[in-house]
Amino acid sequence: MTIEQMTKLSEATEIAAANNDIETLKKIYKIVQNETVQNESNPEGSEWFFALITSNQSVAIGFQ
């Protein structure tokens, strides 16, 4: 994932988290998860995503 792509996803995540838009967060998480699996050398993994959402939101998107 390029820096530009990560920046756009981060911005979208912040907006979705602020609006508690769980469906959008699920879609973003799938993108992040797929990127992490495909690019094993990605040191950030999905950690940045979870830093932007609440624990209740992480449970709502199905991460446990």
C-alpha atoms as a PDB file:
ATOM      1  CA  MET A   1       0.000   0.000   0.000  1.00  0.00           C
ATOM      2  CA  THR A   2       1.398   3.369  -0.914  1.00  0.00           C
ATOM      3  CA  ILE A   3       1.598   6.260   1.534  1.00  0.00           C
ATOM      4  CA  GLU A   4      -1.082   8.059  -0.462  1.00  0.00           C
ATOM      5  CA  GLN A   5      -3.437   5.060  -0.265  1.00  0.00           C
ATOM      6  CA  MET A   6      -2.813   4.689   3.452  1.00  0.00           C
ATOM      7  CA  THR A   7      -3.460   8.387   3.984  1.00  0.00           C
ATOM      8  CA  LYS A   8      -6.775   8.201   2.136  1.00  0.00           C
ATOM      9  CA  LEU A   9      -7.836   5.115   4.081  1.00  0.00           C
ATOM     10  CA  SER A  10      -6.809   6.785   7.344  1.00  0.00           C
ATOM     11  CA  GLU A  11      -8.900   9.836   6.523  1.00  0.00           C
ATOM     12  CA  ALA A  12     -11.874   7.655   5.563  1.00  0.00           C
ATOM     13  CA  THR A  13     -11.446   5.663   8.776  1.00  0.00           C
ATOM     14  CA  GLU A  14     -11.403   8.815  10.901  1.00  0.00           C
ATOM     15  CA  ILE A  15     -14.598  10.081   9.266  1.00  0.00           C
ATOM     16  CA  ALA A  16     -16.361   6.729   9.557  1.00  0.00           C
ATOM     17  CA  ALA A  17     -15.264   6.356  13.196  1.00  0.00           C
ATOM     18  CA  ALA A  18     -16.489   9.848  14.064  1.00  0.00           C
ATOM     19  CA  ASN A  19     -19.860   9.036  12.489  1.00  0.00           C
ATOM     20  CA  ASN A  20     -19.891   5.523  13.994  1.00  0.00           C
ATOM     21  CA  ASP A  21     -20.419   4.201  10.447  1.00  0.00           C
ATOM     22  CA  ILE A  22     -19.820   0.511  11.115  1.00  0.00           C
ATOM     23  CA  GLU A  23     -20.542  -0.615   7.537  1.00  0.00           C
ATOM     24  CA  THR A  24     -17.863   1.688   6.139  1.00  0.00           C
ATOM     25  CA  LEU A  25     -15.433   0.604   8.852  1.00  0.00           C
ATOM     26  CA  LYS A  26     -16.057  -3.025   7.874  1.00  0.00           C
ATOM     27  CA  LYS A  27     -15.257  -2.225   4.234  1.00  0.00           C
ATOM     28  CA  ILE A  28     -12.088  -0.363   5.160  1.00  0.00           C
ATOM     29  CA  TYR A  29     -11.019  -3.160   7.492  1.00  0.00           C
ATOM     30  CA  LYS A  30     -11.396  -5.708   4.685  1.00  0.00           C
ATOM     31  CA  ILE A  31      -9.127  -3.595   2.481  1.00  0.00           C
ATOM     32  CA  VAL A  32      -6.563  -3.250   5.268  1.00  0.00           C
ATOM     33  CA  GLN A  33      -6.763  -6.937   6.124  1.00  0.00           C
ATOM     34  CA  ASN A  34      -6.308  -7.995   2.480  1.00  0.00           C
ATOM     35  CA  GLU A  35      -3.345  -5.655   2.092  1.00  0.00           C
ATOM     36  CA  THR A  36      -1.728  -7.012   5.239  1.00  0.00           C
ATOM     37  CA  VAL A  37      -2.129 -10.608   4.062  1.00  0.00           C
ATOM     38  CA  GLN A  38      -0.849  -9.851   0.554  1.00  0.00           C
ATOM     39  CA  ASN A  39       2.072  -7.731   1.713  1.00  0.00           C
ATOM     40  CA  GLU A  40       3.666  -9.632   4.592  1.00  0.00           C
ATOM     41  CA  SER A  41       6.505  -7.125   4.730  1.00  0.00           C
ATOM     42  CA  ASN A  42       4.088  -4.353   5.714  1.00  0.00           C
ATOM     43  CA  PRO A  43       5.438  -3.378   9.159  1.00  0.00           C
ATOM     44  CA  GLU A  44       2.363  -1.347  10.098  1.00  0.00           C
ATOM     45  CA  GLY A  45      -0.074  -4.148   9.472  1.00  0.00           C
ATOM     46  CA  SER A  46      -3.518  -3.090  10.607  1.00  0.00           C
ATOM     47  CA  GLU A  47      -2.346  -1.435  13.822  1.00  0.00           C
ATOM     48  CA  TRP A  48      -2.903   2.073  12.487  1.00  0.00           C
ATOM     49  CA  PHE A  49      -6.534   1.178  11.690  1.00  0.00           C
ATOM     50  CA  PHE A  50      -7.263   0.031  15.233  1.00  0.00           C
ATOM     51  CA  ALA A  51      -5.584   3.121  16.652  1.00  0.00           C
ATOM     52  CA  LEU A  52      -8.239   5.213  14.900  1.00  0.00           C
ATOM     53  CA  ILE A  53     -11.354   3.404  16.138  1.00  0.00           C
ATOM     54  CA  THR A  54     -12.890   2.674  19.519  1.00  0.00           C
ATOM     55  CA  SER A  55     -12.925  -0.744  21.132  1.00  0.00           C
ATOM     56  CA  ASN A  56     -16.711  -0.889  20.672  1.00  0.00           C
ATOM     57  CA  GLN A  57     -16.258  -0.231  16.968  1.00  0.00           C
ATOM     58  CA  SER A  58     -13.615  -2.947  16.684  1.00  0.00           C
ATOM     59  CA  VAL A  59     -16.047  -5.424  18.270  1.00  0.00           C
ATOM     60  CA  ALA A  60     -18.845  -4.241  15.952  1.00  0.00           C
ATOM     61  CA  ILE A  61     -16.753  -4.869  12.823  1.00  0.00           C
ATOM     62  CA  GLY A  62     -16.047  -8.381  14.026  1.00  0.00           C
ATOM     63  CA  PHE A  63     -12.475  -8.100  15.287  1.00  0.00           C
ATOM     64  CA  GLN A  64     -11.978  -9.913  18.578  1.00  0.00           C
END
